[in-house]
Amino acid sequence: ELLRGLPGIGRYTAGAIASIAFGLDEPALDA
């Protein structure tokens, strides 16, 4: 949620960063 509060970070980007950078169990949905 804190990631999604930053400018330019939407639902997909937050999920990608959370999972790849922090190992959180968050989905991502790009094209």
PDB file of all heavy atoms in Angstrom:
ATOM      1  N   GLU A   1       0.821  -1.207   0.000  1.00  0.00           N
ATOM      2  CA  GLU A   1       0.000   0.000   0.000  1.00  0.00           C
ATOM      3  C   GLU A   1       0.858   1.263   0.000  1.00  0.00           C
ATOM      4  O   GLU A   1       0.520   2.254  -0.650  1.00  0.00           O
ATOM      5  CB  GLU A   1      -0.958  -0.001   1.194  1.00  0.00           C
ATOM      6  CG  GLU A   1      -1.992  -1.108   1.144  1.00  0.00           C
ATOM      7  CD  GLU A   1      -2.805  -1.088  -0.156  1.00  0.00           C
ATOM      8  OE1 GLU A   1      -3.122   0.014  -0.657  1.00  0.00           O
ATOM      9  OE2 GLU A   1      -3.116  -2.180  -0.667  1.00  0.00           O
ATOM     10  N   LEU A   2       1.964   1.234   0.724  1.00  0.00           N
ATOM     11  CA  LEU A   2       2.864   2.391   0.705  1.00  0.00           C
ATOM     12  C   LEU A   2       3.492   2.561  -0.674  1.00  0.00           C
ATOM     13  O   LEU A   2       3.662   3.690  -1.155  1.00  0.00           O
ATOM     14  CB  LEU A   2       3.950   2.239   1.770  1.00  0.00           C
ATOM     15  CG  LEU A   2       3.484   2.271   3.228  1.00  0.00           C
ATOM     16  CD1 LEU A   2       4.671   2.107   4.171  1.00  0.00           C
ATOM     17  CD2 LEU A   2       2.736   3.574   3.545  1.00  0.00           C
ATOM     18  N   LEU A   3       3.816   1.465  -1.322  1.00  0.00           N
ATOM     19  CA  LEU A   3       4.351   1.541  -2.683  1.00  0.00           C
ATOM     20  C   LEU A   3       3.331   2.177  -3.624  1.00  0.00           C
ATOM     21  O   LEU A   3       3.666   3.040  -4.436  1.00  0.00           O
ATOM     22  CB  LEU A   3       4.732   0.146  -3.186  1.00  0.00           C
ATOM     23  CG  LEU A   3       5.978  -0.485  -2.578  1.00  0.00           C
ATOM     24  CD1 LEU A   3       6.094  -1.947  -3.005  1.00  0.00           C
ATOM     25  CD2 LEU A   3       7.234   0.280  -2.979  1.00  0.00           C
ATOM     26  N   ARG A   4       2.074   1.765  -3.511  1.00  0.00           N
ATOM     27  CA  ARG A   4       1.039   2.298  -4.396  1.00  0.00           C
ATOM     28  C   ARG A   4       0.744   3.771  -4.121  1.00  0.00           C
ATOM     29  O   ARG A   4       0.156   4.454  -4.967  1.00  0.00           O
ATOM     30  CB  ARG A   4      -0.245   1.475  -4.266  1.00  0.00           C
ATOM     31  CG  ARG A   4      -0.120   0.078  -4.838  1.00  0.00           C
ATOM     32  CD  ARG A   4      -1.448  -0.640  -4.877  1.00  0.00           C
ATOM     33  NE  ARG A   4      -2.377   0.001  -5.804  1.00  0.00           N
ATOM     34  CZ  ARG A   4      -3.603  -0.438  -6.067  1.00  0.00           C
ATOM     35  NH1 ARG A   4      -4.049  -1.526  -5.444  1.00  0.00           N
ATOM     36  NH2 ARG A   4      -4.387   0.173  -6.913  1.00  0.00           N
ATOM     37  N   GLY A   5       1.169   4.255  -2.982  1.00  0.00           N
ATOM     38  CA  GLY A   5       0.979   5.665  -2.674  1.00  0.00           C
ATOM     39  C   GLY A   5       2.014   6.572  -3.309  1.00  0.00           C
ATOM     40  O   GLY A   5       1.872   7.800  -3.266  1.00  0.00           O
ATOM     41  N   LEU A   6       3.047   5.995  -3.918  1.00  0.00           N
ATOM     42  CA  LEU A   6       4.095   6.797  -4.542  1.00  0.00           C
ATOM     43  C   LEU A   6       3.705   7.152  -5.978  1.00  0.00           C
ATOM     44  O   LEU A   6       3.102   6.337  -6.685  1.00  0.00           O
ATOM     45  CB  LEU A   6       5.416   6.032  -4.550  1.00  0.00           C
ATOM     46  CG  LEU A   6       6.055   5.777  -3.185  1.00  0.00           C
ATOM     47  CD1 LEU A   6       7.243   4.828  -3.321  1.00  0.00           C
ATOM     48  CD2 LEU A   6       6.487   7.090  -2.533  1.00  0.00           C
ATOM     49  N   PRO A   7       4.050   8.360  -6.438  1.00  0.00           N
ATOM     50  CA  PRO A   7       3.716   8.759  -7.812  1.00  0.00           C
ATOM     51  C   PRO A   7       4.291   7.788  -8.836  1.00  0.00           C
ATOM     52  O   PRO A   7       5.446   7.372  -8.735  1.00  0.00           O
ATOM     53  CB  PRO A   7       4.373  10.143  -7.946  1.00  0.00           C
ATOM     54  CG  PRO A   7       4.516  10.648  -6.555  1.00  0.00           C
ATOM     55  CD  PRO A   7       4.741   9.433  -5.696  1.00  0.00           C
ATOM     56  N   GLY A   8       3.474   7.402  -9.796  1.00  0.00           N
ATOM     57  CA  GLY A   8       3.936   6.547 -10.878  1.00  0.00           C
ATOM     58  C   GLY A   8       3.899   5.067 -10.590  1.00  0.00           C
ATOM     59  O   GLY A   8       4.231   4.259 -11.469  1.00  0.00           O
ATOM     60  N   ILE A   9       3.507   4.674  -9.376  1.00  0.00           N
ATOM     61  CA  ILE A   9       3.437   3.249  -9.029  1.00  0.00           C
ATOM     62  C   ILE A   9       1.975   2.852  -8.887  1.00  0.00           C
ATOM     63  O   ILE A   9       1.303   3.230  -7.938  1.00  0.00           O
ATOM     64  CB  ILE A   9       4.213   2.933  -7.739  1.00  0.00           C
ATOM     65  CG1 ILE A   9       5.699   3.229  -7.928  1.00  0.00           C
ATOM     66  CG2 ILE A   9       4.012   1.474  -7.339  1.00  0.00           C
ATOM     67  CD1 ILE A   9       6.561   2.867  -6.736  1.00  0.00           C
ATOM     68  N   GLY A  10       1.502   2.080  -9.870  1.00  0.00           N
ATOM     69  CA  GLY A  10       0.141   1.578  -9.835  1.00  0.00           C
ATOM     70  C   GLY A  10       0.097   0.159  -9.308  1.00  0.00           C
ATOM     71  O   GLY A  10       1.072  -0.358  -8.747  1.00  0.00           O
ATOM     72  N   ARG A  11      -1.019  -0.489  -9.536  1.00  0.00           N
ATOM     73  CA  ARG A  11      -1.231  -1.815  -8.964  1.00  0.00           C
ATOM     74  C   ARG A  11      -0.231  -2.832  -9.493  1.00  0.00           C
ATOM     75  O   ARG A  11       0.351  -3.600  -8.724  1.00  0.00           O
ATOM     76  CB  ARG A  11      -2.661  -2.288  -9.269  1.00  0.00           C
ATOM     77  CG  ARG A  11      -3.038  -3.576  -8.556  1.00  0.00           C
ATOM     78  CD  ARG A  11      -4.488  -3.943  -8.840  1.00  0.00           C
ATOM     79  NE  ARG A  11      -4.878  -5.157  -8.126  1.00  0.00           N
ATOM     80  CZ  ARG A  11      -6.080  -5.726  -8.213  1.00  0.00           C
ATOM     81  NH1 ARG A  11      -7.003  -5.180  -8.998  1.00  0.00           N
ATOM     82  NH2 ARG A  11      -6.356  -6.830  -7.535  1.00  0.00           N
ATOM     83  N   TYR A  12      -0.014  -2.847 -10.820  1.00  0.00           N
ATOM     84  CA  TYR A  12       0.937  -3.810 -11.376  1.00  0.00           C
ATOM     85  C   TYR A  12       2.354  -3.547 -10.884  1.00  0.00           C
ATOM     86  O   TYR A  12       3.047  -4.457 -10.422  1.00  0.00           O
ATOM     87  CB  TYR A  12       0.928  -3.798 -12.911  1.00  0.00           C
ATOM     88  CG  TYR A  12       2.222  -4.371 -13.435  1.00  0.00           C
ATOM     89  CD1 TYR A  12       2.471  -5.734 -13.335  1.00  0.00           C
ATOM     90  CD2 TYR A  12       3.235  -3.545 -13.936  1.00  0.00           C
ATOM     91  CE1 TYR A  12       3.685  -6.275 -13.741  1.00  0.00           C
ATOM     92  CE2 TYR A  12       4.446  -4.069 -14.345  1.00  0.00           C
ATOM     93  CZ  TYR A  12       4.662  -5.434 -14.241  1.00  0.00           C
ATOM     94  OH  TYR A  12       5.876  -5.958 -14.621  1.00  0.00           O
ATOM     95  N   THR A  13       2.818  -2.296 -11.001  1.00  0.00           N
ATOM     96  CA  THR A  13       4.199  -1.982 -10.635  1.00  0.00           C
ATOM     97  C   THR A  13       4.447  -2.263  -9.161  1.00  0.00           C
ATOM     98  O   THR A  13       5.504  -2.779  -8.787  1.00  0.00           O
ATOM     99  CB  THR A  13       4.515  -0.514 -10.966  1.00  0.00           C
ATOM    100  OG1 THR A  13       4.255  -0.287 -12.355  1.00  0.00           O
ATOM    101  CG2 THR A  13       5.959  -0.169 -10.670  1.00  0.00           C
ATOM    102  N   ALA A  14       3.469  -1.950  -8.310  1.00  0.00           N
ATOM    103  CA  ALA A  14       3.616  -2.243  -6.881  1.00  0.00           C
ATOM    104  C   ALA A  14       3.755  -3.746  -6.647  1.00  0.00           C
ATOM    105  O   ALA A  14       4.590  -4.203  -5.857  1.00  0.00           O
ATOM    106  CB  ALA A  14       2.423  -1.689  -6.110  1.00  0.00           C
ATOM    107  N   GLY A  15       2.942  -4.546  -7.346  1.00  0.00           N
ATOM    108  CA  GLY A  15       3.021  -5.987  -7.188  1.00  0.00           C
ATOM    109  C   GLY A  15       4.354  -6.547  -7.664  1.00  0.00           C
ATOM    110  O   GLY A  15       4.935  -7.434  -7.030  1.00  0.00           O
ATOM    111  N   ALA A  16       4.844  -6.011  -8.783  1.00  0.00           N
ATOM    112  CA  ALA A  16       6.132  -6.481  -9.305  1.00  0.00           C
ATOM    113  C   ALA A  16       7.266  -6.136  -8.350  1.00  0.00           C
ATOM    114  O   ALA A  16       8.122  -6.981  -8.052  1.00  0.00           O
ATOM    115  CB  ALA A  16       6.380  -5.863 -10.681  1.00  0.00           C
ATOM    116  N   ILE A  17       7.291  -4.900  -7.857  1.00  0.00           N
ATOM    117  CA  ILE A  17       8.356  -4.503  -6.928  1.00  0.00           C
ATOM    118  C   ILE A  17       8.262  -5.304  -5.631  1.00  0.00           C
ATOM    119  O   ILE A  17       9.267  -5.803  -5.114  1.00  0.00           O
ATOM    120  CB  ILE A  17       8.285  -2.990  -6.639  1.00  0.00           C
ATOM    121  CG1 ILE A  17       8.588  -2.184  -7.908  1.00  0.00           C
ATOM    122  CG2 ILE A  17       9.258  -2.603  -5.518  1.00  0.00           C
ATOM    123  CD1 ILE A  17       8.347  -0.694  -7.762  1.00  0.00           C
ATOM    124  N   ALA A  18       7.045  -5.422  -5.094  1.00  0.00           N
ATOM    125  CA  ALA A  18       6.870  -6.122  -3.818  1.00  0.00           C
ATOM    126  C   ALA A  18       7.328  -7.573  -3.912  1.00  0.00           C
ATOM    127  O   ALA A  18       7.968  -8.101  -2.994  1.00  0.00           O
ATOM    128  CB  ALA A  18       5.406  -6.049  -3.388  1.00  0.00           C
ATOM    129  N   SER A  19       7.004  -8.234  -5.017  1.00  0.00           N
ATOM    130  CA  SER A  19       7.368  -9.651  -5.148  1.00  0.00           C
ATOM    131  C   SER A  19       8.842  -9.831  -5.498  1.00  0.00           C
ATOM    132  O   SER A  19       9.533 -10.652  -4.886  1.00  0.00           O
ATOM    133  CB  SER A  19       6.490 -10.323  -6.214  1.00  0.00           C
ATOM    134  OG  SER A  19       6.663  -9.720  -7.485  1.00  0.00           O
ATOM    135  N   ILE A  20       9.346  -9.062  -6.461  1.00  0.00           N
ATOM    136  CA  ILE A  20      10.711  -9.271  -6.945  1.00  0.00           C
ATOM    137  C   ILE A  20      11.748  -8.708  -5.968  1.00  0.00           C
ATOM    138  O   ILE A  20      12.774  -9.344  -5.688  1.00  0.00           O
ATOM    139  CB  ILE A  20      10.884  -8.644  -8.341  1.00  0.00           C
ATOM    140  CG1 ILE A  20       9.944  -9.324  -9.354  1.00  0.00           C
ATOM    141  CG2 ILE A  20      12.332  -8.750  -8.809  1.00  0.00           C
ATOM    142  CD1 ILE A  20       9.852  -8.611 -10.686  1.00  0.00           C
ATOM    143  N   ALA A  21      11.484  -7.499  -5.451  1.00  0.00           N
ATOM    144  CA  ALA A  21      12.478  -6.853  -4.586  1.00  0.00           C
ATOM    145  C   ALA A  21      12.381  -7.310  -3.134  1.00  0.00           C
ATOM    146  O   ALA A  21      13.398  -7.388  -2.437  1.00  0.00           O
ATOM    147  CB  ALA A  21      12.311  -5.333  -4.662  1.00  0.00           C
ATOM    148  N   PHE A  22      11.149  -7.616  -2.674  1.00  0.00           N
ATOM    149  CA  PHE A  22      10.966  -7.906  -1.253  1.00  0.00           C
ATOM    150  C   PHE A  22      10.465  -9.321  -0.965  1.00  0.00           C
ATOM    151  O   PHE A  22      10.265  -9.681   0.196  1.00  0.00           O
ATOM    152  CB  PHE A  22      10.002  -6.884  -0.642  1.00  0.00           C
ATOM    153  CG  PHE A  22      10.479  -5.456  -0.770  1.00  0.00           C
ATOM    154  CD1 PHE A  22       9.764  -4.533  -1.508  1.00  0.00           C
ATOM    155  CD2 PHE A  22      11.656  -5.048  -0.157  1.00  0.00           C
ATOM    156  CE1 PHE A  22      10.204  -3.215  -1.627  1.00  0.00           C
ATOM    157  CE2 PHE A  22      12.107  -3.738  -0.262  1.00  0.00           C
ATOM    158  CZ  PHE A  22      11.379  -2.821  -1.004  1.00  0.00           C
ATOM    159  N   GLY A  23      10.223 -10.107  -2.011  1.00  0.00           N
ATOM    160  CA  GLY A  23       9.808 -11.489  -1.806  1.00  0.00           C
ATOM    161  C   GLY A  23       8.413 -11.639  -1.231  1.00  0.00           C
ATOM    162  O   GLY A  23       8.078 -12.701  -0.690  1.00  0.00           O
ATOM    163  N   LEU A  24       7.576 -10.610  -1.366  1.00  0.00           N
ATOM    164  CA  LEU A  24       6.212 -10.677  -0.845  1.00  0.00           C
ATOM    165  C   LEU A  24       5.326 -11.473  -1.798  1.00  0.00           C
ATOM    166  O   LEU A  24       5.524 -11.458  -3.009  1.00  0.00           O
ATOM    167  CB  LEU A  24       5.642  -9.272  -0.649  1.00  0.00           C
ATOM    168  CG  LEU A  24       6.424  -8.342   0.284  1.00  0.00           C
ATOM    169  CD1 LEU A  24       5.714  -6.994   0.399  1.00  0.00           C
ATOM    170  CD2 LEU A  24       6.592  -8.974   1.657  1.00  0.00           C
ATOM    171  N   ASP A  25       4.347 -12.152  -1.253  1.00  0.00           N
ATOM    172  CA  ASP A  25       3.425 -12.942  -2.069  1.00  0.00           C
ATOM    173  C   ASP A  25       2.364 -12.035  -2.676  1.00  0.00           C
ATOM    174  O   ASP A  25       1.201 -12.020  -2.261  1.00  0.00           O
ATOM    175  CB  ASP A  25       2.780 -14.052  -1.227  1.00  0.00           C
ATOM    176  CG  ASP A  25       3.745 -15.180  -0.922  1.00  0.00           C
ATOM    177  OD1 ASP A  25       4.617 -15.450  -1.775  1.00  0.00           O
ATOM    178  OD2 ASP A  25       3.641 -15.780   0.155  1.00  0.00           O
ATOM    179  N   GLU A  26       2.768 -11.272  -3.679  1.00  0.00           N
ATOM    180  CA  GLU A  26       1.876 -10.335  -4.357  1.00  0.00           C
ATOM    181  C   GLU A  26       1.846 -10.660  -5.846  1.00  0.00           C
ATOM    182  O   GLU A  26       2.890 -10.890  -6.461  1.00  0.00           O
ATOM    183  CB  GLU A  26       2.345  -8.895  -4.158  1.00  0.00           C
ATOM    184  CG  GLU A  26       2.224  -8.386  -2.736  1.00  0.00           C
ATOM    185  CD  GLU A  26       0.768  -8.191  -2.293  1.00  0.00           C
ATOM    186  OE1 GLU A  26      -0.120  -8.163  -3.176  1.00  0.00           O
ATOM    187  OE2 GLU A  26       0.535  -8.081  -1.076  1.00  0.00           O
ATOM    188  N   PRO A  27       0.656 -10.673  -6.447  1.00  0.00           N
ATOM    189  CA  PRO A  27       0.561 -10.937  -7.890  1.00  0.00           C
ATOM    190  C   PRO A  27       0.946  -9.704  -8.700  1.00  0.00           C
ATOM    191  O   PRO A  27       0.984  -8.586  -8.179  1.00  0.00           O
ATOM    192  CB  PRO A  27      -0.914 -11.278  -8.073  1.00  0.00           C
ATOM    193  CG  PRO A  27      -1.613 -10.466  -7.015  1.00  0.00           C
ATOM    194  CD  PRO A  27      -0.671 -10.454  -5.834  1.00  0.00           C
ATOM    195  N   ALA A  28       1.216  -9.933  -9.959  1.00  0.00           N
ATOM    196  CA  ALA A  28       1.470  -8.857 -10.907  1.00  0.00           C
ATOM    197  C   ALA A  28       0.678  -9.165 -12.177  1.00  0.00           C
ATOM    198  O   ALA A  28       0.384 -10.334 -12.468  1.00  0.00           O
ATOM    199  CB  ALA A  28       2.956  -8.741 -11.212  1.00  0.00           C
ATOM    200  N   LEU A  29       0.336  -8.131 -12.925  1.00  0.00           N
ATOM    201  CA  LEU A  29      -0.463  -8.339 -14.132  1.00  0.00           C
ATOM    202  C   LEU A  29      -0.044  -7.322 -15.182  1.00  0.00           C
ATOM    203  O   LEU A  29      -0.641  -6.263 -15.295  1.00  0.00           O
ATOM    204  CB  LEU A  29      -1.958  -8.207 -13.811  1.00  0.00           C
ATOM    205  CG  LEU A  29      -2.929  -8.595 -14.928  1.00  0.00           C
ATOM    206  CD1 LEU A  29      -2.870 -10.097 -15.192  1.00  0.00           C
ATOM    207  CD2 LEU A  29      -4.361  -8.183 -14.580  1.00  0.00           C
ATOM    208  N   ASP A  30       1.011  -7.672 -15.938  1.00  0.00           N
ATOM    209  CA  ASP A  30       1.391  -6.823 -17.058  1.00  0.00           C
ATOM    210  C   ASP A  30       0.775  -7.389 -18.334  1.00  0.00           C
ATOM    211  O   ASP A  30      -0.020  -8.342 -18.289  1.00  0.00           O
ATOM    212  CB  ASP A  30       2.916  -6.702 -17.160  1.00  0.00           C
ATOM    213  CG  ASP A  30       3.574  -7.999 -17.632  1.00  0.00           C
ATOM    214  OD1 ASP A  30       2.908  -9.060 -17.639  1.00  0.00           O
ATOM    215  OD2 ASP A  30       4.763  -7.944 -17.998  1.00  0.00           O
ATOM    216  N   ALA A  31       1.121  -6.832 -19.488  1.00  0.00           N
ATOM    217  CA  ALA A  31       0.507  -7.274 -20.744  1.00  0.00           C
ATOM    218  C   ALA A  31       0.812  -8.744 -21.021  1.00  0.00           C
ATOM    219  O   ALA A  31      -0.055  -9.487 -21.511  1.00  0.00           O
ATOM    220  CB  ALA A  31       0.998  -6.401 -21.896  1.00  0.00           C
TER     221      ALA A  31
END
